[in-house]
Amino acid sequence: MTFAEILSQYLNRNLEVYLPNQFLEGVLQAVNGSSFVLEVQNGSYVDPSDLVTIFLDNVEGIRVLTV
């Protein structure tokens, strides 16, 4: 089982994603063989969330959050 296949089990769940110089928190929207899409809130009550494409090669760690 590949990392992408494992990650796809957590669609629509809240994740913390650790990148070399960045930390993101959001809802997992889509996964393919080389990347995934995370819906990230920008912290403002006025602006909507953004969809961010993250390449699997750049990920240092992921934590699945329970609510």
PDB file of N, CA and C in Angstrom:
ATOM      1  N   MET A   1       0.846  -1.174   0.000  1.00  0.00           N
ATOM      2  CA  MET A   1       0.000   0.000   0.000  1.00  0.00           C
ATOM      3  C   MET A   1       0.898   1.245   0.000  1.00  0.00           C
ATOM      4  N   THR A   2       0.615   2.194  -0.896  1.00  0.00           N
ATOM      5  CA  THR A   2       1.414   3.405  -0.996  1.00  0.00           C
ATOM      6  C   THR A   2       0.930   4.462  -0.003  1.00  0.00           C
ATOM      7  N   PHE A   3       1.752   5.484   0.183  1.00  0.00           N
ATOM      8  CA  PHE A   3       1.386   6.572   1.076  1.00  0.00           C
ATOM      9  C   PHE A   3       0.107   7.265   0.588  1.00  0.00           C
ATOM     10  N   ALA A   4      -0.026   7.443  -0.729  1.00  0.00           N
ATOM     11  CA  ALA A   4      -1.223   8.072  -1.292  1.00  0.00           C
ATOM     12  C   ALA A   4      -2.468   7.227  -1.014  1.00  0.00           C
ATOM     13  N   GLU A   5      -2.348   5.914  -1.105  1.00  0.00           N
ATOM     14  CA  GLU A   5      -3.480   5.029  -0.825  1.00  0.00           C
ATOM     15  C   GLU A   5      -3.884   5.103   0.649  1.00  0.00           C
ATOM     16  N   ILE A   6      -2.909   5.167   1.514  1.00  0.00           N
ATOM     17  CA  ILE A   6      -3.199   5.299   2.946  1.00  0.00           C
ATOM     18  C   ILE A   6      -3.866   6.639   3.220  1.00  0.00           C
ATOM     19  N   LEU A   7      -3.329   7.697   2.644  1.00  0.00           N
ATOM     20  CA  LEU A   7      -3.864   9.035   2.848  1.00  0.00           C
ATOM     21  C   LEU A   7      -5.294   9.166   2.331  1.00  0.00           C
ATOM     22  N   SER A   8      -5.621   8.483   1.253  1.00  0.00           N
ATOM     23  CA  SER A   8      -6.966   8.576   0.667  1.00  0.00           C
ATOM     24  C   SER A   8      -8.046   8.027   1.605  1.00  0.00           C
ATOM     25  N   GLN A   9      -7.671   7.254   2.593  1.00  0.00           N
ATOM     26  CA  GLN A   9      -8.637   6.752   3.578  1.00  0.00           C
ATOM     27  C   GLN A   9      -9.142   7.856   4.501  1.00  0.00           C
ATOM     28  N   TYR A  10      -8.478   9.011   4.471  1.00  0.00           N
ATOM     29  CA  TYR A  10      -8.816  10.106   5.373  1.00  0.00           C
ATOM     30  C   TYR A  10      -9.436  11.301   4.660  1.00  0.00           C
ATOM     31  N   LEU A  11     -10.081  11.066   3.516  1.00  0.00           N
ATOM     32  CA  LEU A  11     -10.766  12.143   2.812  1.00  0.00           C
ATOM     33  C   LEU A  11     -11.813  12.774   3.726  1.00  0.00           C
ATOM     34  N   ASN A  12     -11.942  14.097   3.626  1.00  0.00           N
ATOM     35  CA  ASN A  12     -12.883  14.897   4.414  1.00  0.00           C
ATOM     36  C   ASN A  12     -12.574  14.908   5.904  1.00  0.00           C
ATOM     37  N   ARG A  13     -11.365  14.557   6.276  1.00  0.00           N
ATOM     38  CA  ARG A  13     -10.930  14.630   7.669  1.00  0.00           C
ATOM     39  C   ARG A  13      -9.973  15.790   7.857  1.00  0.00           C
ATOM     40  N   ASN A  14      -9.878  16.299   9.075  1.00  0.00           N
ATOM     41  CA  ASN A  14      -8.950  17.378   9.399  1.00  0.00           C
ATOM     42  C   ASN A  14      -7.549  16.814   9.562  1.00  0.00           C
ATOM     43  N   LEU A  15      -6.577  17.489   8.919  1.00  0.00           N
ATOM     44  CA  LEU A  15      -5.186  17.056   8.967  1.00  0.00           C
ATOM     45  C   LEU A  15      -4.287  18.219   9.357  1.00  0.00           C
ATOM     46  N   GLU A  16      -3.179  17.895   9.973  1.00  0.00           N
ATOM     47  CA  GLU A  16      -2.060  18.814  10.111  1.00  0.00           C
ATOM     48  C   GLU A  16      -0.972  18.289   9.178  1.00  0.00           C
ATOM     49  N   VAL A  17      -0.428  19.161   8.344  1.00  0.00           N
ATOM     50  CA  VAL A  17       0.587  18.767   7.374  1.00  0.00           C
ATOM     51  C   VAL A  17       1.865  19.539   7.684  1.00  0.00           C
ATOM     52  N   TYR A  18       2.950  18.818   7.829  1.00  0.00           N
ATOM     53  CA  TYR A  18       4.249  19.411   8.142  1.00  0.00           C
ATOM     54  C   TYR A  18       5.122  19.378   6.900  1.00  0.00           C
ATOM     55  N   LEU A  19       5.502  20.576   6.438  1.00  0.00           N
ATOM     56  CA  LEU A  19       6.366  20.746   5.280  1.00  0.00           C
ATOM     57  C   LEU A  19       7.692  21.320   5.768  1.00  0.00           C
ATOM     58  N   PRO A  20       8.736  21.343   4.935  1.00  0.00           N
ATOM     59  CA  PRO A  20      10.047  21.808   5.404  1.00  0.00           C
ATOM     60  C   PRO A  20      10.036  23.174   6.099  1.00  0.00           C
ATOM     61  N   ASN A  21       9.316  24.139   5.566  1.00  0.00           N
ATOM     62  CA  ASN A  21       9.302  25.470   6.165  1.00  0.00           C
ATOM     63  C   ASN A  21       7.895  25.980   6.413  1.00  0.00           C
ATOM     64  N   GLN A  22       6.933  25.065   6.568  1.00  0.00           N
ATOM     65  CA  GLN A  22       5.548  25.488   6.674  1.00  0.00           C
ATOM     66  C   GLN A  22       4.735  24.435   7.400  1.00  0.00           C
ATOM     67  N   PHE A  23       3.664  24.903   8.041  1.00  0.00           N
ATOM     68  CA  PHE A  23       2.721  24.037   8.718  1.00  0.00           C
ATOM     69  C   PHE A  23       1.336  24.414   8.220  1.00  0.00           C
ATOM     70  N   LEU A  24       0.546  23.443   7.797  1.00  0.00           N
ATOM     71  CA  LEU A  24      -0.805  23.697   7.317  1.00  0.00           C
ATOM     72  C   LEU A  24      -1.794  22.827   8.073  1.00  0.00           C
ATOM     73  N   GLU A  25      -2.982  23.357   8.278  1.00  0.00           N
ATOM     74  CA  GLU A  25      -4.068  22.586   8.874  1.00  0.00           C
ATOM     75  C   GLU A  25      -5.296  22.803   8.017  1.00  0.00           C
ATOM     76  N   GLY A  26      -5.977  21.697   7.675  1.00  0.00           N
ATOM     77  CA  GLY A  26      -7.156  21.823   6.838  1.00  0.00           C
ATOM     78  C   GLY A  26      -7.828  20.486   6.625  1.00  0.00           C
ATOM     79  N   VAL A  27      -8.780  20.477   5.698  1.00  0.00           N
ATOM     80  CA  VAL A  27      -9.582  19.290   5.394  1.00  0.00           C
ATOM     81  C   VAL A  27      -9.078  18.677   4.097  1.00  0.00           C
ATOM     82  N   LEU A  28      -8.793  17.395   4.131  1.00  0.00           N
ATOM     83  CA  LEU A  28      -8.308  16.672   2.958  1.00  0.00           C
ATOM     84  C   LEU A  28      -9.444  16.529   1.946  1.00  0.00           C
ATOM     85  N   GLN A  29      -9.218  17.050   0.729  1.00  0.00           N
ATOM     86  CA  GLN A  29     -10.252  17.049  -0.308  1.00  0.00           C
ATOM     87  C   GLN A  29     -10.035  16.008  -1.401  1.00  0.00           C
ATOM     88  N   ALA A  30      -8.783  15.768  -1.774  1.00  0.00           N
ATOM     89  CA  ALA A  30      -8.490  14.833  -2.872  1.00  0.00           C
ATOM     90  C   ALA A  30      -7.066  14.322  -2.743  1.00  0.00           C
ATOM     91  N   VAL A  31      -6.841  13.113  -3.287  1.00  0.00           N
ATOM     92  CA  VAL A  31      -5.509  12.498  -3.276  1.00  0.00           C
ATOM     93  C   VAL A  31      -5.283  11.838  -4.626  1.00  0.00           C
ATOM     94  N   ASN A  32      -4.070  12.013  -5.178  1.00  0.00           N
ATOM     95  CA  ASN A  32      -3.678  11.215  -6.338  1.00  0.00           C
ATOM     96  C   ASN A  32      -2.300  10.644  -6.069  1.00  0.00           C
ATOM     97  N   GLY A  33      -1.677  10.066  -7.062  1.00  0.00           N
ATOM     98  CA  GLY A  33      -0.414   9.375  -6.849  1.00  0.00           C
ATOM     99  C   GLY A  33       0.764  10.236  -6.429  1.00  0.00           C
ATOM    100  N   SER A  34       0.720  11.543  -6.721  1.00  0.00           N
ATOM    101  CA  SER A  34       1.870  12.388  -6.419  1.00  0.00           C
ATOM    102  C   SER A  34       1.555  13.622  -5.579  1.00  0.00           C
ATOM    103  N   SER A  35       0.272  13.878  -5.319  1.00  0.00           N
ATOM    104  CA  SER A  35      -0.094  15.071  -4.559  1.00  0.00           C
ATOM    105  C   SER A  35      -1.446  14.884  -3.893  1.00  0.00           C
ATOM    106  N   PHE A  36      -1.794  15.858  -3.056  1.00  0.00           N
ATOM    107  CA  PHE A  36      -3.132  15.882  -2.474  1.00  0.00           C
ATOM    108  C   PHE A  36      -3.583  17.326  -2.324  1.00  0.00           C
ATOM    109  N   VAL A  37      -4.894  17.506  -2.167  1.00  0.00           N
ATOM    110  CA  VAL A  37      -5.483  18.842  -2.056  1.00  0.00           C
ATOM    111  C   VAL A  37      -6.043  19.006  -0.654  1.00  0.00           C
ATOM    112  N   LEU A  38      -5.672  20.115  -0.028  1.00  0.00           N
ATOM    113  CA  LEU A  38      -6.096  20.437   1.328  1.00  0.00           C
ATOM    114  C   LEU A  38      -6.870  21.745   1.298  1.00  0.00           C
ATOM    115  N   GLU A  39      -8.063  21.751   1.894  1.00  0.00           N
ATOM    116  CA  GLU A  39      -8.830  22.982   2.028  1.00  0.00           C
ATOM    117  C   GLU A  39      -8.379  23.664   3.309  1.00  0.00           C
ATOM    118  N   VAL A  40      -7.754  24.819   3.172  1.00  0.00           N
ATOM    119  CA  VAL A  40      -7.119  25.505   4.289  1.00  0.00           C
ATOM    120  C   VAL A  40      -7.872  26.790   4.595  1.00  0.00           C
ATOM    121  N   GLN A  41      -8.237  26.989   5.859  1.00  0.00           N
ATOM    122  CA  GLN A  41      -8.833  28.248   6.295  1.00  0.00           C
ATOM    123  C   GLN A  41      -7.716  29.261   6.466  1.00  0.00           C
ATOM    124  N   ASN A  42      -7.933  30.488   6.008  1.00  0.00           N
ATOM    125  CA  ASN A  42      -6.867  31.478   6.100  1.00  0.00           C
ATOM    126  C   ASN A  42      -6.903  32.255   7.408  1.00  0.00           C
ATOM    127  N   GLY A  43      -7.830  31.968   8.298  1.00  0.00           N
ATOM    128  CA  GLY A  43      -7.850  32.609   9.604  1.00  0.00           C
ATOM    129  C   GLY A  43      -8.730  33.831   9.694  1.00  0.00           C
ATOM    130  N   SER A  44      -9.283  34.278   8.578  1.00  0.00           N
ATOM    131  CA  SER A  44     -10.153  35.450   8.578  1.00  0.00           C
ATOM    132  C   SER A  44     -11.610  35.001   8.537  1.00  0.00           C
ATOM    133  N   TYR A  45     -12.458  35.756   9.202  1.00  0.00           N
ATOM    134  CA  TYR A  45     -13.886  35.429   9.185  1.00  0.00           C
ATOM    135  C   TYR A  45     -14.550  35.892   7.895  1.00  0.00           C
ATOM    136  N   VAL A  46     -13.885  36.747   7.131  1.00  0.00           N
ATOM    137  CA  VAL A  46     -14.473  37.308   5.923  1.00  0.00           C
ATOM    138  C   VAL A  46     -14.100  36.484   4.692  1.00  0.00           C
ATOM    139  N   ASP A  47     -12.843  36.132   4.553  1.00  0.00           N
ATOM    140  CA  ASP A  47     -12.369  35.436   3.361  1.00  0.00           C
ATOM    141  C   ASP A  47     -12.693  33.949   3.423  1.00  0.00           C
ATOM    142  N   PRO A  48     -12.998  33.363   2.268  1.00  0.00           N
ATOM    143  CA  PRO A  48     -13.263  31.909   2.248  1.00  0.00           C
ATOM    144  C   PRO A  48     -11.970  31.112   2.371  1.00  0.00           C
ATOM    145  N   SER A  49     -12.138  29.823   2.435  1.00  0.00           N
ATOM    146  CA  SER A  49     -10.970  28.942   2.506  1.00  0.00           C
ATOM    147  C   SER A  49     -10.322  28.825   1.124  1.00  0.00           C
ATOM    148  N   ASP A  50      -9.082  28.370   1.107  1.00  0.00           N
ATOM    149  CA  ASP A  50      -8.335  28.169  -0.132  1.00  0.00           C
ATOM    150  C   ASP A  50      -8.019  26.693  -0.302  1.00  0.00           C
ATOM    151  N   LEU A  51      -7.962  26.258  -1.554  1.00  0.00           N
ATOM    152  CA  LEU A  51      -7.526  24.898  -1.858  1.00  0.00           C
ATOM    153  C   LEU A  51      -6.044  24.944  -2.183  1.00  0.00           C
ATOM    154  N   VAL A  52      -5.269  24.094  -1.511  1.00  0.00           N
ATOM    155  CA  VAL A  52      -3.827  24.066  -1.670  1.00  0.00           C
ATOM    156  C   VAL A  52      -3.422  22.677  -2.149  1.00  0.00           C
ATOM    157  N   THR A  53      -2.655  22.618  -3.226  1.00  0.00           N
ATOM    158  CA  THR A  53      -2.114  21.352  -3.719  1.00  0.00           C
ATOM    159  C   THR A  53      -0.738  21.153  -3.103  1.00  0.00           C
ATOM    160  N   ILE A  54      -0.542  19.989  -2.475  1.00  0.00           N
ATOM    161  CA  ILE A  54       0.710  19.674  -1.801  1.00  0.00           C
ATOM    162  C   ILE A  54       1.286  18.412  -2.446  1.00  0.00           C
ATOM    163  N   PHE A  55       2.538  18.494  -2.872  1.00  0.00           N
ATOM    164  CA  PHE A  55       3.192  17.337  -3.468  1.00  0.00           C
ATOM    165  C   PHE A  55       3.708  16.407  -2.372  1.00  0.00           C
ATOM    166  N   LEU A  56       3.466  15.127  -2.522  1.00  0.00           N
ATOM    167  CA  LEU A  56       3.822  14.139  -1.505  1.00  0.00           C
ATOM    168  C   LEU A  56       5.313  14.153  -1.186  1.00  0.00           C
ATOM    169  N   ASP A  57       6.151  14.440  -2.175  1.00  0.00           N
ATOM    170  CA  ASP A  57       7.602  14.462  -1.949  1.00  0.00           C
ATOM    171  C   ASP A  57       8.026  15.553  -0.966  1.00  0.00           C
ATOM    172  N   ASN A  58       7.193  16.589  -0.786  1.00  0.00           N
ATOM    173  CA  ASN A  58       7.528  17.704   0.101  1.00  0.00           C
ATOM    174  C   ASN A  58       7.063  17.493   1.540  1.00  0.00           C
ATOM    175  N   VAL A  59       6.273  16.467   1.781  1.00  0.00           N
ATOM    176  CA  VAL A  59       5.673  16.262   3.105  1.00  0.00           C
ATOM    177  C   VAL A  59       6.672  15.608   4.054  1.00  0.00           C
ATOM    178  N   GLU A  60       6.845  16.231   5.213  1.00  0.00           N
ATOM    179  CA  GLU A  60       7.691  15.644   6.266  1.00  0.00           C
ATOM    180  C   GLU A  60       6.865  14.846   7.261  1.00  0.00           C
ATOM    181  N   GLY A  61       5.591  15.191   7.404  1.00  0.00           N
ATOM    182  CA  GLY A  61       4.729  14.458   8.328  1.00  0.00           C
ATOM    183  C   GLY A  61       3.297  14.909   8.210  1.00  0.00           C
ATOM    184  N   ILE A  62       2.380  14.027   8.608  1.00  0.00           N
ATOM    185  CA  ILE A  62       0.943  14.323   8.618  1.00  0.00           C
ATOM    186  C   ILE A  62       0.364  13.765   9.905  1.00  0.00           C
ATOM    187  N   ARG A  63      -0.518  14.549  10.500  1.00  0.00           N
ATOM    188  CA  ARG A  63      -1.242  14.087  11.686  1.00  0.00           C
ATOM    189  C   ARG A  63      -2.724  14.206  11.394  1.00  0.00           C
ATOM    190  N   VAL A  64      -3.470  13.123  11.575  1.00  0.00           N
ATOM    191  CA  VAL A  64      -4.921  13.129  11.394  1.00  0.00           C
ATOM    192  C   VAL A  64      -5.532  13.562  12.724  1.00  0.00           C
ATOM    193  N   LEU A  65      -6.357  14.605  12.645  1.00  0.00           N
ATOM    194  CA  LEU A  65      -6.976  15.137  13.852  1.00  0.00           C
ATOM    195  C   LEU A  65      -8.335  14.493  14.082  1.00  0.00           C
ATOM    196  N   THR A  66      -8.648  14.236  15.331  1.00  0.00           N
ATOM    197  CA  THR A  66      -9.963  13.721  15.684  1.00  0.00           C
ATOM    198  C   THR A  66     -10.766  14.862  16.281  1.00  0.00           C
ATOM    199  N   VAL A  67     -12.037  14.860  15.978  1.00  0.00           N
ATOM    200  CA  VAL A  67     -12.892  15.943  16.472  1.00  0.00           C
ATOM    201  C   VAL A  67     -13.922  15.396  17.413  1.00  0.00           C
TER     202      VAL A  67
END
